[in-house]
Amino acid sequence: LTLEICCVSNLGLRVNWEKSKLSPVQSISFLCMELDSVNMTARLTSKHVESMLNCLKLFRHKTAAPGAHGSRSHSNATRPAPYETASALATRPNPEMVMAPQFLL
């Protein structure tokens, strides 16, 4: 193991000791995914599942048709055009949902 660390260091690469696993593992969290080599599965981490569900709730709430919540006072003239609704939903991305580029060895 020290040979690998020396080689990585000699190449000028830094090791993030907090994120590194220096012994073999069967399950690891990597790039928002839980990778399980025993069950041969890959799934989103629970943190990212929760974040996605929150985004879906927000999306459903913002895209509800006028009158969908019992209010019938809206006329067709007050409804936004589809392109207006789409542009209103194009807000800044949640920092948790944006992945920074990663360089792998």
PDB file of N, CA and C in Angstrom:
ATOM      1  N   LEU A   1       0.822  -1.192   0.000  1.00  0.00           N
ATOM      2  CA  LEU A   1       0.000   0.000   0.000  1.00  0.00           C
ATOM      3  C   LEU A   1       0.867   1.258   0.000  1.00  0.00           C
ATOM      4  N   THR A   2       1.943   1.249   0.744  1.00  0.00           N
ATOM      5  CA  THR A   2       2.807   2.434   0.770  1.00  0.00           C
ATOM      6  C   THR A   2       3.439   2.683  -0.586  1.00  0.00           C
ATOM      7  N   LEU A   3       3.682   1.625  -1.350  1.00  0.00           N
ATOM      8  CA  LEU A   3       4.236   1.788  -2.695  1.00  0.00           C
ATOM      9  C   LEU A   3       3.267   2.591  -3.565  1.00  0.00           C
ATOM     10  N   GLU A   4       1.975   2.254  -3.482  1.00  0.00           N
ATOM     11  CA  GLU A   4       0.975   2.979  -4.269  1.00  0.00           C
ATOM     12  C   GLU A   4       0.903   4.445  -3.851  1.00  0.00           C
ATOM     13  N   ILE A   5       0.956   4.693  -2.555  1.00  0.00           N
ATOM     14  CA  ILE A   5       0.901   6.071  -2.060  1.00  0.00           C
ATOM     15  C   ILE A   5       2.131   6.844  -2.518  1.00  0.00           C
ATOM     16  N   CYS A   6       3.300   6.201  -2.494  1.00  0.00           N
ATOM     17  CA  CYS A   6       4.524   6.855  -2.968  1.00  0.00           C
ATOM     18  C   CYS A   6       4.422   7.177  -4.457  1.00  0.00           C
ATOM     19  N   CYS A   7       3.881   6.239  -5.247  1.00  0.00           N
ATOM     20  CA  CYS A   7       3.739   6.471  -6.692  1.00  0.00           C
ATOM     21  C   CYS A   7       2.796   7.638  -6.965  1.00  0.00           C
ATOM     22  N   VAL A   8       1.685   7.674  -6.249  1.00  0.00           N
ATOM     23  CA  VAL A   8       0.722   8.760  -6.426  1.00  0.00           C
ATOM     24  C   VAL A   8       1.373  10.088  -6.051  1.00  0.00           C
ATOM     25  N   SER A   9       2.099  10.102  -4.945  1.00  0.00           N
ATOM     26  CA  SER A   9       2.781  11.327  -4.502  1.00  0.00           C
ATOM     27  C   SER A   9       3.851  11.756  -5.491  1.00  0.00           C
ATOM     28  N   ASN A  10       4.606  10.798  -6.028  1.00  0.00           N
ATOM     29  CA  ASN A  10       5.658  11.115  -6.999  1.00  0.00           C
ATOM     30  C   ASN A  10       5.082  11.694  -8.291  1.00  0.00           C
ATOM     31  N   LEU A  11       3.863  11.353  -8.605  1.00  0.00           N
ATOM     32  CA  LEU A  11       3.205  11.907  -9.796  1.00  0.00           C
ATOM     33  C   LEU A  11       2.678  13.318  -9.541  1.00  0.00           C
ATOM     34  N   GLY A  12       2.804  13.789  -8.306  1.00  0.00           N
ATOM     35  CA  GLY A  12       2.345  15.133  -7.975  1.00  0.00           C
ATOM     36  C   GLY A  12       0.875  15.201  -7.606  1.00  0.00           C
ATOM     37  N   LEU A  13       0.257  14.041  -7.406  1.00  0.00           N
ATOM     38  CA  LEU A  13      -1.157  14.009  -7.037  1.00  0.00           C
ATOM     39  C   LEU A  13      -1.298  13.999  -5.522  1.00  0.00           C
ATOM     40  N   ARG A  14      -2.353  14.611  -5.043  1.00  0.00           N
ATOM     41  CA  ARG A  14      -2.603  14.644  -3.604  1.00  0.00           C
ATOM     42  C   ARG A  14      -3.656  13.605  -3.241  1.00  0.00           C
ATOM     43  N   VAL A  15      -3.519  13.026  -2.075  1.00  0.00           N
ATOM     44  CA  VAL A  15      -4.484  12.055  -1.570  1.00  0.00           C
ATOM     45  C   VAL A  15      -5.352  12.752  -0.529  1.00  0.00           C
ATOM     46  N   ASN A  16      -6.650  12.669  -0.705  1.00  0.00           N
ATOM     47  CA  ASN A  16      -7.579  13.203   0.290  1.00  0.00           C
ATOM     48  C   ASN A  16      -7.778  12.112   1.340  1.00  0.00           C
ATOM     49  N   TRP A  17      -7.097  12.251   2.462  1.00  0.00           N
ATOM     50  CA  TRP A  17      -7.085  11.206   3.484  1.00  0.00           C
ATOM     51  C   TRP A  17      -8.451  11.020   4.126  1.00  0.00           C
ATOM     52  N   GLU A  18      -9.263  12.065   4.186  1.00  0.00           N
ATOM     53  CA  GLU A  18     -10.594  11.944   4.787  1.00  0.00           C
ATOM     54  C   GLU A  18     -11.525  11.093   3.924  1.00  0.00           C
ATOM     55  N   LYS A  19     -11.374  11.163   2.618  1.00  0.00           N
ATOM     56  CA  LYS A  19     -12.254  10.428   1.716  1.00  0.00           C
ATOM     57  C   LYS A  19     -11.678   9.087   1.280  1.00  0.00           C
ATOM     58  N   SER A  20     -10.416   8.854   1.540  1.00  0.00           N
ATOM     59  CA  SER A  20      -9.755   7.651   1.045  1.00  0.00           C
ATOM     60  C   SER A  20     -10.019   6.447   1.935  1.00  0.00           C
ATOM     61  N   LYS A  21     -10.161   5.292   1.305  1.00  0.00           N
ATOM     62  CA  LYS A  21     -10.253   4.009   2.002  1.00  0.00           C
ATOM     63  C   LYS A  21      -8.954   3.280   1.704  1.00  0.00           C
ATOM     64  N   LEU A  22      -8.147   3.091   2.730  1.00  0.00           N
ATOM     65  CA  LEU A  22      -6.824   2.510   2.514  1.00  0.00           C
ATOM     66  C   LEU A  22      -6.809   0.998   2.682  1.00  0.00           C
ATOM     67  N   SER A  23      -7.961   0.407   2.926  1.00  0.00           N
ATOM     68  CA  SER A  23      -8.062  -1.049   2.969  1.00  0.00           C
ATOM     69  C   SER A  23      -9.260  -1.453   2.111  1.00  0.00           C
ATOM     70  N   PRO A  24      -9.253  -2.674   1.587  1.00  0.00           N
ATOM     71  CA  PRO A  24     -10.354  -3.102   0.714  1.00  0.00           C
ATOM     72  C   PRO A  24     -11.698  -3.102   1.452  1.00  0.00           C
ATOM     73  N   VAL A  25     -12.737  -2.664   0.762  1.00  0.00           N
ATOM     74  CA  VAL A  25     -14.094  -2.662   1.318  1.00  0.00           C
ATOM     75  C   VAL A  25     -15.049  -3.258   0.290  1.00  0.00           C
ATOM     76  N   GLN A  26     -16.193  -3.755   0.765  1.00  0.00           N
ATOM     77  CA  GLN A  26     -17.180  -4.343  -0.140  1.00  0.00           C
ATOM     78  C   GLN A  26     -18.303  -3.373  -0.478  1.00  0.00           C
ATOM     79  N   SER A  27     -18.398  -2.296   0.280  1.00  0.00           N
ATOM     80  CA  SER A  27     -19.417  -1.287   0.026  1.00  0.00           C
ATOM     81  C   SER A  27     -18.788   0.084   0.238  1.00  0.00           C
ATOM     82  N   ILE A  28     -19.015   0.983  -0.719  1.00  0.00           N
ATOM     83  CA  ILE A  28     -18.408   2.312  -0.639  1.00  0.00           C
ATOM     84  C   ILE A  28     -19.349   3.335  -1.265  1.00  0.00           C
ATOM     85  N   SER A  29     -19.288   4.552  -0.775  1.00  0.00           N
ATOM     86  CA  SER A  29     -20.058   5.655  -1.341  1.00  0.00           C
ATOM     87  C   SER A  29     -19.123   6.457  -2.237  1.00  0.00           C
ATOM     88  N   PHE A  30     -19.507   6.627  -3.513  1.00  0.00           N
ATOM     89  CA  PHE A  30     -18.649   7.295  -4.491  1.00  0.00           C
ATOM     90  C   PHE A  30     -19.516   8.031  -5.493  1.00  0.00           C
ATOM     91  N   LEU A  31     -19.265   9.318  -5.671  1.00  0.00           N
ATOM     92  CA  LEU A  31     -19.994  10.150  -6.637  1.00  0.00           C
ATOM     93  C   LEU A  31     -21.509  10.012  -6.481  1.00  0.00           C
ATOM     94  N   CYS A  32     -21.993  10.203  -5.254  1.00  0.00           N
ATOM     95  CA  CYS A  32     -23.427  10.168  -4.932  1.00  0.00           C
ATOM     96  C   CYS A  32     -24.039   8.778  -5.034  1.00  0.00           C
ATOM     97  N   MET A  33     -23.223   7.760  -5.188  1.00  0.00           N
ATOM     98  CA  MET A  33     -23.727   6.397  -5.327  1.00  0.00           C
ATOM     99  C   MET A  33     -23.165   5.514  -4.228  1.00  0.00           C
ATOM    100  N   GLU A  34     -23.985   4.553  -3.766  1.00  0.00           N
ATOM    101  CA  GLU A  34     -23.520   3.510  -2.872  1.00  0.00           C
ATOM    102  C   GLU A  34     -23.252   2.286  -3.739  1.00  0.00           C
ATOM    103  N   LEU A  35     -22.007   1.885  -3.797  1.00  0.00           N
ATOM    104  CA  LEU A  35     -21.603   0.745  -4.617  1.00  0.00           C
ATOM    105  C   LEU A  35     -21.370  -0.453  -3.705  1.00  0.00           C
ATOM    106  N   ASP A  36     -22.064  -1.557  -3.970  1.00  0.00           N
ATOM    107  CA  ASP A  36     -21.967  -2.768  -3.159  1.00  0.00           C
ATOM    108  C   ASP A  36     -21.462  -3.893  -4.050  1.00  0.00           C
ATOM    109  N   SER A  37     -20.231  -4.338  -3.801  1.00  0.00           N
ATOM    110  CA  SER A  37     -19.645  -5.368  -4.662  1.00  0.00           C
ATOM    111  C   SER A  37     -20.148  -6.764  -4.317  1.00  0.00           C
ATOM    112  N   VAL A  38     -20.709  -6.972  -3.128  1.00  0.00           N
ATOM    113  CA  VAL A  38     -21.248  -8.284  -2.763  1.00  0.00           C
ATOM    114  C   VAL A  38     -22.555  -8.528  -3.503  1.00  0.00           C
ATOM    115  N   ASN A  39     -23.467  -7.565  -3.431  1.00  0.00           N
ATOM    116  CA  ASN A  39     -24.773  -7.692  -4.090  1.00  0.00           C
ATOM    117  C   ASN A  39     -24.763  -7.191  -5.525  1.00  0.00           C
ATOM    118  N   MET A  40     -23.620  -6.643  -5.957  1.00  0.00           N
ATOM    119  CA  MET A  40     -23.476  -6.101  -7.309  1.00  0.00           C
ATOM    120  C   MET A  40     -24.563  -5.056  -7.592  1.00  0.00           C
ATOM    121  N   THR A  41     -24.700  -4.100  -6.671  1.00  0.00           N
ATOM    122  CA  THR A  41     -25.703  -3.054  -6.827  1.00  0.00           C
ATOM    123  C   THR A  41     -25.060  -1.682  -6.730  1.00  0.00           C
ATOM    124  N   ALA A  42     -25.723  -0.736  -7.342  1.00  0.00           N
ATOM    125  CA  ALA A  42     -25.351   0.676  -7.249  1.00  0.00           C
ATOM    126  C   ALA A  42     -26.649   1.448  -7.079  1.00  0.00           C
ATOM    127  N   ARG A  43     -26.694   2.302  -6.066  1.00  0.00           N
ATOM    128  CA  ARG A  43     -27.902   3.089  -5.832  1.00  0.00           C
ATOM    129  C   ARG A  43     -27.518   4.454  -5.294  1.00  0.00           C
ATOM    130  N   LEU A  44     -28.440   5.398  -5.426  1.00  0.00           N
ATOM    131  CA  LEU A  44     -28.213   6.733  -4.878  1.00  0.00           C
ATOM    132  C   LEU A  44     -28.097   6.648  -3.364  1.00  0.00           C
ATOM    133  N   THR A  45     -27.277   7.506  -2.783  1.00  0.00           N
ATOM    134  CA  THR A  45     -27.191   7.566  -1.331  1.00  0.00           C
ATOM    135  C   THR A  45     -28.514   8.088  -0.785  1.00  0.00           C
ATOM    136  N   SER A  46     -28.822   7.760   0.458  1.00  0.00           N
ATOM    137  CA  SER A  46     -30.094   8.190   1.052  1.00  0.00           C
ATOM    138  C   SER A  46     -30.194   9.712   1.080  1.00  0.00           C
ATOM    139  N   LYS A  47     -29.070  10.392   1.265  1.00  0.00           N
ATOM    140  CA  LYS A  47     -29.058  11.862   1.251  1.00  0.00           C
ATOM    141  C   LYS A  47     -29.524  12.389  -0.108  1.00  0.00           C
ATOM    142  N   HIS A  48     -29.054  11.772  -1.181  1.00  0.00           N
ATOM    143  CA  HIS A  48     -29.418  12.243  -2.518  1.00  0.00           C
ATOM    144  C   HIS A  48     -30.831  11.808  -2.911  1.00  0.00           C
ATOM    145  N   VAL A  49     -31.298  10.668  -2.393  1.00  0.00           N
ATOM    146  CA  VAL A  49     -32.689  10.274  -2.627  1.00  0.00           C
ATOM    147  C   VAL A  49     -33.614  11.304  -1.992  1.00  0.00           C
ATOM    148  N   GLU A  50     -33.303  11.689  -0.754  1.00  0.00           N
ATOM    149  CA  GLU A  50     -34.109  12.697  -0.059  1.00  0.00           C
ATOM    150  C   GLU A  50     -34.092  14.025  -0.817  1.00  0.00           C
ATOM    151  N   SER A  51     -32.936  14.414  -1.309  1.00  0.00           N
ATOM    152  CA  SER A  51     -32.821  15.655  -2.065  1.00  0.00           C
ATOM    153  C   SER A  51     -33.650  15.595  -3.351  1.00  0.00           C
ATOM    154  N   MET A  52     -33.605  14.463  -4.042  1.00  0.00           N
ATOM    155  CA  MET A  52     -34.396  14.304  -5.271  1.00  0.00           C
ATOM    156  C   MET A  52     -35.894  14.364  -4.967  1.00  0.00           C
ATOM    157  N   LEU A  53     -36.324  13.713  -3.880  1.00  0.00           N
ATOM    158  CA  LEU A  53     -37.740  13.740  -3.515  1.00  0.00           C
ATOM    159  C   LEU A  53     -38.194  15.156  -3.182  1.00  0.00           C
ATOM    160  N   ASN A  54     -37.344  15.911  -2.503  1.00  0.00           N
ATOM    161  CA  ASN A  54     -37.677  17.307  -2.208  1.00  0.00           C
ATOM    162  C   ASN A  54     -37.795  18.122  -3.488  1.00  0.00           C
ATOM    163  N   CYS A  55     -36.921  17.872  -4.451  1.00  0.00           N
ATOM    164  CA  CYS A  55     -37.005  18.572  -5.742  1.00  0.00           C
ATOM    165  C   CYS A  55     -38.292  18.214  -6.473  1.00  0.00           C
ATOM    166  N   LEU A  56     -38.674  16.937  -6.429  1.00  0.00           N
ATOM    167  CA  LEU A  56     -39.915  16.517  -7.084  1.00  0.00           C
ATOM    168  C   LEU A  56     -41.134  17.169  -6.435  1.00  0.00           C
ATOM    169  N   LYS A  57     -41.131  17.259  -5.104  1.00  0.00           N
ATOM    170  CA  LYS A  57     -42.243  17.925  -4.420  1.00  0.00           C
ATOM    171  C   LYS A  57     -42.342  19.381  -4.863  1.00  0.00           C
ATOM    172  N   LEU A  58     -41.209  20.050  -4.933  1.00  0.00           N
ATOM    173  CA  LEU A  58     -41.185  21.445  -5.369  1.00  0.00           C
ATOM    174  C   LEU A  58     -41.674  21.560  -6.810  1.00  0.00           C
ATOM    175  N   PHE A  59     -41.233  20.656  -7.671  1.00  0.00           N
ATOM    176  CA  PHE A  59     -41.641  20.663  -9.072  1.00  0.00           C
ATOM    177  C   PHE A  59     -43.148  20.456  -9.184  1.00  0.00           C
ATOM    178  N   ARG A  60     -43.683  19.471  -8.459  1.00  0.00           N
ATOM    179  CA  ARG A  60     -45.122  19.215  -8.517  1.00  0.00           C
ATOM    180  C   ARG A  60     -45.906  20.430  -8.031  1.00  0.00           C
ATOM    181  N   HIS A  61     -45.410  21.055  -6.979  1.00  0.00           N
ATOM    182  CA  HIS A  61     -46.101  22.223  -6.425  1.00  0.00           C
ATOM    183  C   HIS A  61     -46.100  23.386  -7.419  1.00  0.00           C
ATOM    184  N   LYS A  62     -44.984  23.633  -8.070  1.00  0.00           N
ATOM    185  CA  LYS A  62     -44.877  24.764  -8.998  1.00  0.00           C
ATOM    186  C   LYS A  62     -45.588  24.511 -10.317  1.00  0.00           C
ATOM    187  N   THR A  63     -45.779  23.263 -10.695  1.00  0.00           N
ATOM    188  CA  THR A  63     -46.389  22.985 -11.996  1.00  0.00           C
ATOM    189  C   THR A  63     -47.862  22.614 -11.877  1.00  0.00           C
ATOM    190  N   ALA A  64     -48.450  22.733 -10.682  1.00  0.00           N
ATOM    191  CA  ALA A  64     -49.866  22.417 -10.524  1.00  0.00           C
ATOM    192  C   ALA A  64     -50.694  23.391 -11.361  1.00  0.00           C
ATOM    193  N   ALA A  65     -51.673  22.847 -12.054  1.00  0.00           N
ATOM    194  CA  ALA A  65     -52.534  23.680 -12.893  1.00  0.00           C
ATOM    195  C   ALA A  65     -53.364  24.604 -12.017  1.00  0.00           C
ATOM    196  N   PRO A  66     -53.634  25.811 -12.484  1.00  0.00           N
ATOM    197  CA  PRO A  66     -54.501  26.710 -11.720  1.00  0.00           C
ATOM    198  C   PRO A  66     -55.833  26.030 -11.455  1.00  0.00           C
ATOM    199  N   GLY A  67     -56.309  26.144 -10.241  1.00  0.00           N
ATOM    200  CA  GLY A  67     -57.559  25.498  -9.868  1.00  0.00           C
ATOM    201  C   GLY A  67     -57.373  24.080  -9.376  1.00  0.00           C
ATOM    202  N   ALA A  68     -56.158  23.545  -9.423  1.00  0.00           N
ATOM    203  CA  ALA A  68     -55.930  22.163  -9.010  1.00  0.00           C
ATOM    204  C   ALA A  68     -56.112  21.987  -7.510  1.00  0.00           C
ATOM    205  N   HIS A  69     -55.979  23.056  -6.754  1.00  0.00           N
ATOM    206  CA  HIS A  69     -56.107  22.966  -5.303  1.00  0.00           C
ATOM    207  C   HIS A  69     -57.466  23.467  -4.834  1.00  0.00           C
ATOM    208  N   GLY A  70     -58.472  23.350  -5.670  1.00  0.00           N
ATOM    209  CA  GLY A  70     -59.820  23.718  -5.275  1.00  0.00           C
ATOM    210  C   GLY A  70     -60.224  25.130  -5.661  1.00  0.00           C
ATOM    211  N   SER A  71     -59.324  25.932  -6.122  1.00  0.00           N
ATOM    212  CA  SER A  71     -59.647  27.301  -6.513  1.00  0.00           C
ATOM    213  C   SER A  71     -60.083  27.307  -7.968  1.00  0.00           C
ATOM    214  N   ARG A  72     -61.306  27.764  -8.222  1.00  0.00           N
ATOM    215  CA  ARG A  72     -61.813  27.788  -9.587  1.00  0.00           C
ATOM    216  C   ARG A  72     -61.920  29.218 -10.111  1.00  0.00           C
ATOM    217  N   SER A  73     -61.265  30.155  -9.437  1.00  0.00           N
ATOM    218  CA  SER A  73     -61.395  31.555  -9.833  1.00  0.00           C
ATOM    219  C   SER A  73     -60.494  31.936 -10.998  1.00  0.00           C
ATOM    220  N   HIS A  74     -59.574  31.062 -11.392  1.00  0.00           N
ATOM    221  CA  HIS A  74     -58.657  31.389 -12.483  1.00  0.00           C
ATOM    222  C   HIS A  74     -59.332  31.157 -13.832  1.00  0.00           C
ATOM    223  N   SER A  75     -59.158  32.073 -14.723  1.00  0.00           N
ATOM    224  CA  SER A  75     -59.658  31.882 -16.080  1.00  0.00           C
ATOM    225  C   SER A  75     -58.494  31.477 -16.967  1.00  0.00           C
ATOM    226  N   ASN A  76     -58.799  31.086 -18.179  1.00  0.00           N
ATOM    227  CA  ASN A  76     -57.743  30.709 -19.117  1.00  0.00           C
ATOM    228  C   ASN A  76     -56.818  31.877 -19.419  1.00  0.00           C
ATOM    229  N   ALA A  77     -57.324  33.105 -19.312  1.00  0.00           N
ATOM    230  CA  ALA A  77     -56.511  34.280 -19.627  1.00  0.00           C
ATOM    231  C   ALA A  77     -55.396  34.489 -18.603  1.00  0.00           C
ATOM    232  N   THR A  78     -55.576  33.996 -17.384  1.00  0.00           N
ATOM    233  CA  THR A  78     -54.554  34.213 -16.354  1.00  0.00           C
ATOM    234  C   THR A  78     -53.524  33.090 -16.307  1.00  0.00           C
ATOM    235  N   ARG A  79     -53.744  32.042 -17.048  1.00  0.00           N
ATOM    236  CA  ARG A  79     -52.785  30.938 -17.040  1.00  0.00           C
ATOM    237  C   ARG A  79     -51.536  31.329 -17.821  1.00  0.00           C
ATOM    238  N   PRO A  80     -50.362  31.004 -17.275  1.00  0.00           N
ATOM    239  CA  PRO A  80     -49.134  31.315 -18.019  1.00  0.00           C
ATOM    240  C   PRO A  80     -48.981  30.382 -19.211  1.00  0.00           C
ATOM    241  N   ALA A  81     -48.339  30.882 -20.236  1.00  0.00           N
ATOM    242  CA  ALA A  81     -48.037  30.040 -21.391  1.00  0.00           C
ATOM    243  C   ALA A  81     -47.041  28.969 -20.954  1.00  0.00           C
ATOM    244  N   PRO A  82     -47.027  27.798 -21.611  1.00  0.00           N
ATOM    245  CA  PRO A  82     -46.114  26.722 -21.202  1.00  0.00           C
ATOM    246  C   PRO A  82     -44.656  27.160 -21.141  1.00  0.00           C
ATOM    247  N   TYR A  83     -44.208  27.987 -22.082  1.00  0.00           N
ATOM    248  CA  TYR A  83     -42.805  28.413 -22.055  1.00  0.00           C
ATOM    249  C   TYR A  83     -42.531  29.317 -20.864  1.00  0.00           C
ATOM    250  N   GLU A  84     -43.547  30.086 -20.408  1.00  0.00           N
ATOM    251  CA  GLU A  84     -43.358  30.925 -19.220  1.00  0.00           C
ATOM    252  C   GLU A  84     -43.212  30.062 -17.977  1.00  0.00           C
ATOM    253  N   THR A  85     -44.006  29.002 -17.885  1.00  0.00           N
ATOM    254  CA  THR A  85     -43.910  28.095 -16.743  1.00  0.00           C
ATOM    255  C   THR A  85     -42.554  27.416 -16.728  1.00  0.00           C
ATOM    256  N   ALA A  86     -42.093  26.956 -17.884  1.00  0.00           N
ATOM    257  CA  ALA A  86     -40.797  26.275 -17.948  1.00  0.00           C
ATOM    258  C   ALA A  86     -39.665  27.210 -17.546  1.00  0.00           C
ATOM    259  N   SER A  87     -39.718  28.463 -17.995  1.00  0.00           N
ATOM    260  CA  SER A  87     -38.640  29.386 -17.634  1.00  0.00           C
ATOM    261  C   SER A  87     -38.703  29.743 -16.157  1.00  0.00           C
ATOM    262  N   ALA A  88     -39.890  29.752 -15.581  1.00  0.00           N
ATOM    263  CA  ALA A  88     -40.008  30.036 -14.144  1.00  0.00           C
ATOM    264  C   ALA A  88     -39.396  28.917 -13.316  1.00  0.00           C
ATOM    265  N   LEU A  89     -39.436  27.690 -13.838  1.00  0.00           N
ATOM    266  CA  LEU A  89     -38.862  26.551 -13.116  1.00  0.00           C
ATOM    267  C   LEU A  89     -37.355  26.474 -13.265  1.00  0.00           C
ATOM    268  N   ALA A  90     -36.796  27.159 -14.233  1.00  0.00           N
ATOM    269  CA  ALA A  90     -35.347  27.099 -14.473  1.00  0.00           C
ATOM    270  C   ALA A  90     -34.645  28.037 -13.500  1.00  0.00           C
ATOM    271  N   THR A  91     -34.590  27.619 -12.249  1.00  0.00           N
ATOM    272  CA  THR A  91     -33.923  28.410 -11.221  1.00  0.00           C
ATOM    273  C   THR A  91     -32.494  27.934 -11.074  1.00  0.00           C
ATOM    274  N   ARG A  92     -31.758  28.586 -10.221  1.00  0.00           N
ATOM    275  CA  ARG A  92     -30.384  28.153  -9.978  1.00  0.00           C
ATOM    276  C   ARG A  92     -30.395  26.754  -9.389  1.00  0.00           C
ATOM    277  N   PRO A  93     -29.470  25.899  -9.815  1.00  0.00           N
ATOM    278  CA  PRO A  93     -29.457  24.529  -9.299  1.00  0.00           C
ATOM    279  C   PRO A  93     -29.039  24.496  -7.831  1.00  0.00           C
ATOM    280  N   ASN A  94     -29.596  23.536  -7.121  1.00  0.00           N
ATOM    281  CA  ASN A  94     -29.216  23.290  -5.736  1.00  0.00           C
ATOM    282  C   ASN A  94     -27.762  22.829  -5.726  1.00  0.00           C
ATOM    283  N   PRO A  95     -26.880  23.431  -4.900  1.00  0.00           N
ATOM    284  CA  PRO A  95     -25.465  23.034  -4.892  1.00  0.00           C
ATOM    285  C   PRO A  95     -25.270  21.555  -4.605  1.00  0.00           C
ATOM    286  N   GLU A  96     -26.207  20.938  -3.852  1.00  0.00           N
ATOM    287  CA  GLU A  96     -26.077  19.513  -3.575  1.00  0.00           C
ATOM    288  C   GLU A  96     -26.313  18.674  -4.823  1.00  0.00           C
ATOM    289  N   MET A  97     -27.061  19.214  -5.764  1.00  0.00           N
ATOM    290  CA  MET A  97     -27.403  18.449  -6.955  1.00  0.00           C
ATOM    291  C   MET A  97     -26.378  18.603  -8.063  1.00  0.00           C
ATOM    292  N   VAL A  98     -25.466  19.532  -7.936  1.00  0.00           N
ATOM    293  CA  VAL A  98     -24.460  19.771  -8.965  1.00  0.00           C
ATOM    294  C   VAL A  98     -23.191  19.034  -8.585  1.00  0.00           C
ATOM    295  N   MET A  99     -22.702  18.197  -9.482  1.00  0.00           N
ATOM    296  CA  MET A  99     -21.485  17.449  -9.194  1.00  0.00           C
ATOM    297  C   MET A  99     -20.299  18.152  -9.822  1.00  0.00           C
ATOM    298  N   ALA A 100     -19.268  18.326  -9.040  1.00  0.00           N
ATOM    299  CA  ALA A 100     -18.036  18.913  -9.558  1.00  0.00           C
ATOM    300  C   ALA A 100     -17.301  17.861 -10.371  1.00  0.00           C
ATOM    301  N   PRO A 101     -16.549  18.264 -11.388  1.00  0.00           N
ATOM    302  CA  PRO A 101     -15.795  17.286 -12.164  1.00  0.00           C
ATOM    303  C   PRO A 101     -14.781  16.580 -11.272  1.00  0.00           C
ATOM    304  N   GLN A 102     -14.617  15.310 -11.501  1.00  0.00           N
ATOM    305  CA  GLN A 102     -13.685  14.505 -10.712  1.00  0.00           C
ATOM    306  C   GLN A 102     -12.632  13.921 -11.644  1.00  0.00           C
ATOM    307  N   PHE A 103     -11.422  13.860 -11.164  1.00  0.00           N
ATOM    308  CA  PHE A 103     -10.349  13.234 -11.908  1.00  0.00           C
ATOM    309  C   PHE A 103     -10.017  11.927 -11.222  1.00  0.00           C
ATOM    310  N   LEU A 104     -10.060  10.851 -11.955  1.00  0.00           N
ATOM    311  CA  LEU A 104      -9.856   9.522 -11.393  1.00  0.00           C
ATOM    312  C   LEU A 104      -8.536   8.943 -11.857  1.00  0.00           C
ATOM    313  N   LEU A 105      -7.970   8.101 -11.012  1.00  0.00           N
ATOM    314  CA  LEU A 105      -6.749   7.377 -11.386  1.00  0.00           C
ATOM    315  C   LEU A 105      -7.123   6.019 -11.903  1.00  0.00           C
TER     316      LEU A 105
END
